């Protein structure tokens, strides 16, 4: 079971534009790092036969990530193209190289727990695909055990219809799928505040 984390290398002034506009670039960068570290910590709890890797985008020169686990570096570069094309290429390549199934996720969902990955793996024993719905109309995880172009439809990536467009595409191509629990992700300051409050309540 291959788990691929797709992430932008945290850099000042790059990524998390909505956070940067409202909180400033330094705060947005700090949040990027915290999200990435949280996600890597969660993935670090996965036992074999999970195989975890990071597929990076963004400037590599001078990038250091000493707080990340060893498997995160150097990682691989994401292919060229828009998000759907990049995810499609990673899934197709992973399955072609012998992975029984592949799971893709980003680092924007700090609510993710290791149990969610176990649930996704179990779902892929029953169905062709698995989706982790996000509250904003996207998804925080997609997994597949066989390749089909219908996994990644023509949609506005990052928009509110990605999840439904994907469901419609899977149904049209005859692929069956399971869905995990619905989770928020962090795109705006309110999302980050919500995560901080829920985390503090949980640990308090």
Protein backbone atom coordinates (compact mmCIF):
# COMPACT_ATOMS: atom_id res chain seq x y z
CA UNK A 1 0.00 0.00 0.00
CA UNK A 2 1.62 3.23 -1.18
CA UNK A 3 0.75 6.51 0.53
CA UNK A 4 1.85 9.65 -1.30
CA UNK A 5 1.82 13.01 0.43
CA UNK A 6 1.61 15.85 -2.08
CA UNK A 7 3.00 19.06 -0.62
CA UNK A 8 4.45 22.40 -1.55
CA UNK A 9 7.77 23.15 0.11
CA UNK A 10 7.03 25.86 2.68
CA UNK A 11 8.51 29.15 1.50
CA UNK A 12 7.83 32.72 2.54
CA UNK A 13 5.32 34.27 0.17
CA UNK A 14 4.49 30.98 -1.60
CA UNK A 15 1.30 29.04 -1.05
CA UNK A 16 -1.57 29.59 1.37
CA UNK A 17 -2.46 32.86 -0.33
CA UNK A 18 -5.74 33.32 1.54
CA UNK A 19 -3.98 32.92 4.88
CA UNK A 20 -1.19 35.26 3.78
CA UNK A 21 -3.61 37.98 2.69
CA UNK A 22 -5.33 38.07 6.07
CA UNK A 23 -2.60 37.06 8.50
CA UNK A 24 0.57 38.09 6.68
CA UNK A 25 3.19 35.97 4.88
CA UNK A 26 5.18 35.09 8.01
CA UNK A 27 2.13 33.72 9.82
CA UNK A 28 1.05 31.82 6.71
CA UNK A 29 4.51 30.24 6.46
CA UNK A 30 4.42 29.20 10.11
CA UNK A 31 1.02 27.58 9.58
CA UNK A 32 2.30 25.79 6.47
CA UNK A 33 5.10 24.27 8.50
CA UNK A 34 2.82 23.23 11.35
CA UNK A 35 0.38 21.57 8.94
CA UNK A 36 3.18 19.71 7.17
CA UNK A 37 4.79 18.58 10.42
CA UNK A 38 1.45 17.41 11.79
CA UNK A 39 0.71 15.40 8.64
CA UNK A 40 4.16 13.81 8.57
CA UNK A 41 3.85 12.88 12.24
CA UNK A 42 0.54 11.16 11.48
CA UNK A 43 1.98 9.28 8.51
CA UNK A 44 5.01 8.30 10.57
CA UNK A 45 2.70 6.14 12.70
CA UNK A 46 1.80 3.85 9.79
CA UNK A 47 3.35 0.37 10.01
CA UNK A 48 4.37 -1.86 7.10
CA UNK A 49 3.02 -2.72 4.59
CA UNK A 50 2.30 1.01 4.21
CA UNK A 51 5.03 2.72 2.17
CA UNK A 52 5.03 6.49 2.58
CA UNK A 53 6.65 9.07 0.31
CA UNK A 54 6.45 12.80 -0.29
CA UNK A 55 6.00 14.36 -3.72
CA UNK A 56 7.12 17.97 -3.58
CA UNK A 57 6.39 21.05 -5.60
CA UNK A 58 8.00 24.46 -5.26
CA UNK A 59 11.56 25.72 -5.17
CA UNK A 60 14.00 23.04 -3.96
CA UNK A 61 17.18 25.13 -3.74
CA UNK A 62 18.28 25.61 -0.16
CA UNK A 63 15.26 23.84 1.27
CA UNK A 64 15.88 22.24 4.66
CA UNK A 65 13.35 20.33 6.69
CA UNK A 66 15.12 19.09 9.78
CA UNK A 67 11.88 18.70 11.70
CA UNK A 68 10.49 16.16 9.20
CA UNK A 69 11.04 12.38 9.36
CA UNK A 70 13.85 10.92 7.23
CA UNK A 71 11.48 9.40 4.67
CA UNK A 72 10.27 12.90 3.73
CA UNK A 73 13.62 13.92 2.22
CA UNK A 74 14.65 14.23 -0.44
CA UNK A 75 11.33 12.88 -1.70
CA UNK A 76 10.23 13.12 -5.32
CA UNK A 77 9.27 16.04 -7.50
CA UNK A 78 5.67 16.27 -8.61
CA UNK A 79 5.12 16.00 -12.37
CA UNK A 80 4.29 19.07 -14.43
CA UNK A 81 0.74 20.23 -15.06
CA UNK A 82 -2.34 21.20 -13.12
CA UNK A 83 -3.25 19.33 -9.95
CA UNK A 84 -5.44 16.71 -11.60
CA UNK A 85 -2.76 15.83 -14.14
CA UNK A 86 -0.11 15.60 -11.41
CA UNK A 87 -2.22 13.30 -9.25
CA UNK A 88 -3.11 11.15 -12.26
CA UNK A 89 0.55 10.71 -13.17
CA UNK A 90 1.51 9.74 -9.61
CA UNK A 91 -1.30 7.18 -9.30
CA UNK A 92 -0.61 5.68 -12.71
CA UNK A 93 3.13 5.41 -12.05
CA UNK A 94 2.69 3.91 -8.57
CA UNK A 95 0.29 1.23 -9.80
CA UNK A 96 2.47 0.49 -12.83
CA UNK A 97 5.44 -0.14 -10.51
CA UNK A 98 3.64 -2.83 -8.57
CA UNK A 99 1.77 -1.07 -5.79
CA UNK A 100 -1.35 -2.98 -4.83
CA UNK A 101 -3.09 0.35 -4.25
CA UNK A 102 -2.13 3.99 -3.87
CA UNK A 103 -3.48 6.72 -1.61
CA UNK A 104 -2.90 10.44 -2.22
CA UNK A 105 -3.39 13.21 0.31
CA UNK A 106 -2.25 16.72 1.04
CA UNK A 107 -1.09 18.34 4.26
CA UNK A 108 -4.00 20.78 4.68
CA UNK A 109 -6.12 18.56 6.96
CA UNK A 110 -4.69 18.45 10.49
CA UNK A 111 -7.76 16.48 11.60
CA UNK A 112 -6.32 13.48 9.73
CA UNK A 113 -5.51 10.52 11.99
CA UNK A 114 -3.57 7.34 11.26
CA UNK A 115 -6.84 5.43 11.63
CA UNK A 116 -8.17 7.24 8.56
CA UNK A 117 -5.39 5.69 6.49
CA UNK A 118 -6.18 2.24 7.86
CA UNK A 119 -9.84 2.83 6.99
CA UNK A 120 -8.85 3.89 3.47
CA UNK A 121 -6.73 0.77 3.02
CA UNK A 122 -9.59 -1.46 4.14
CA UNK A 123 -11.98 0.33 1.79
CA UNK A 124 -9.64 -0.39 -1.12
CA UNK A 125 -9.95 -4.10 -0.40
CA UNK A 126 -13.64 -3.80 -1.32
CA UNK A 127 -13.89 -1.02 -3.89
CA UNK A 128 -11.89 0.43 -6.78
CA UNK A 129 -11.52 3.84 -5.16
CA UNK A 130 -11.87 5.64 -1.86
CA UNK A 131 -12.60 9.32 -1.20
CA UNK A 132 -12.21 11.40 1.93
CA UNK A 133 -14.79 14.18 1.54
CA UNK A 134 -13.86 17.68 2.67
CA UNK A 135 -16.39 20.14 4.05
CA UNK A 136 -15.56 22.68 1.34
CA UNK A 137 -16.64 20.40 -1.51
CA UNK A 138 -13.23 18.93 -2.29
CA UNK A 139 -11.56 15.89 -0.81
CA UNK A 140 -8.72 15.39 1.62
CA UNK A 141 -7.81 11.93 0.30
CA UNK A 142 -8.24 9.85 -2.82
CA UNK A 143 -7.11 6.27 -3.27
CA UNK A 144 -7.33 3.70 -6.04
CA UNK A 145 -6.40 0.10 -6.67
CA UNK A 146 -6.65 0.33 -10.45
CA UNK A 147 -5.95 3.11 -12.89
CA UNK A 148 -8.63 4.86 -14.92
CA UNK A 149 -8.68 8.42 -16.36
CA UNK A 150 -12.08 8.88 -14.70
CA UNK A 151 -10.36 9.17 -11.34
CA UNK A 152 -9.45 12.77 -12.10
CA UNK A 153 -12.17 14.51 -14.13
CA UNK A 154 -12.06 17.87 -15.84
CA UNK A 155 -12.91 20.15 -12.92
CA UNK A 156 -11.84 23.38 -11.27
CA UNK A 157 -9.28 22.06 -8.80
CA UNK A 158 -9.65 23.80 -5.48
CA UNK A 159 -13.26 24.69 -6.27
CA UNK A 160 -16.44 23.62 -4.44
CA UNK A 161 -17.52 20.96 -6.96
CA UNK A 162 -14.41 18.76 -7.05
CA UNK A 163 -15.88 16.02 -4.87
CA UNK A 164 -19.19 15.83 -6.73
CA UNK A 165 -17.47 16.02 -10.12
CA UNK A 166 -15.28 13.11 -9.06
CA UNK A 167 -18.26 11.08 -7.86
CA UNK A 168 -20.05 11.73 -11.15
CA UNK A 169 -16.98 10.74 -13.16
CA UNK A 170 -16.47 7.53 -11.20
CA UNK A 171 -20.11 6.57 -11.64
CA UNK A 172 -19.98 7.31 -15.37
CA UNK A 173 -16.91 5.12 -15.87
CA UNK A 174 -18.24 2.21 -13.83
CA UNK A 175 -15.75 2.47 -10.97
CA UNK A 176 -17.12 1.77 -7.51
CA UNK A 177 -15.93 3.71 -4.50
CA UNK A 178 -16.19 4.09 -0.74
CA UNK A 179 -16.21 7.30 1.27
CA UNK A 180 -14.53 8.04 4.58
CA UNK A 181 -15.61 10.56 7.20
CA UNK A 182 -16.05 14.19 6.15
CA UNK A 183 -13.34 16.50 7.50
CA UNK A 184 -12.51 20.20 7.32
CA UNK A 185 -9.25 21.49 5.90
CA UNK A 186 -7.29 24.67 6.47
CA UNK A 187 -7.61 27.29 3.74
CA UNK A 188 -8.66 30.37 5.71
CA UNK A 189 -7.84 31.91 9.10
CA UNK A 190 -11.16 30.69 10.52
CA UNK A 191 -10.20 27.12 9.63
CA UNK A 192 -6.93 27.46 11.49
CA UNK A 193 -8.66 28.98 14.52
CA UNK A 194 -11.13 26.10 14.52
CA UNK A 195 -8.33 23.55 14.47
CA UNK A 196 -6.48 25.29 17.30
CA UNK A 197 -9.62 25.44 19.43
CA UNK A 198 -10.58 21.82 18.79
CA UNK A 199 -7.04 20.61 19.43
CA UNK A 200 -6.83 22.55 22.69
CA UNK A 201 -10.22 21.19 23.79
CA UNK A 202 -9.16 17.64 22.94
CA UNK A 203 -5.90 17.93 24.85
CA UNK A 204 -7.34 20.04 27.64
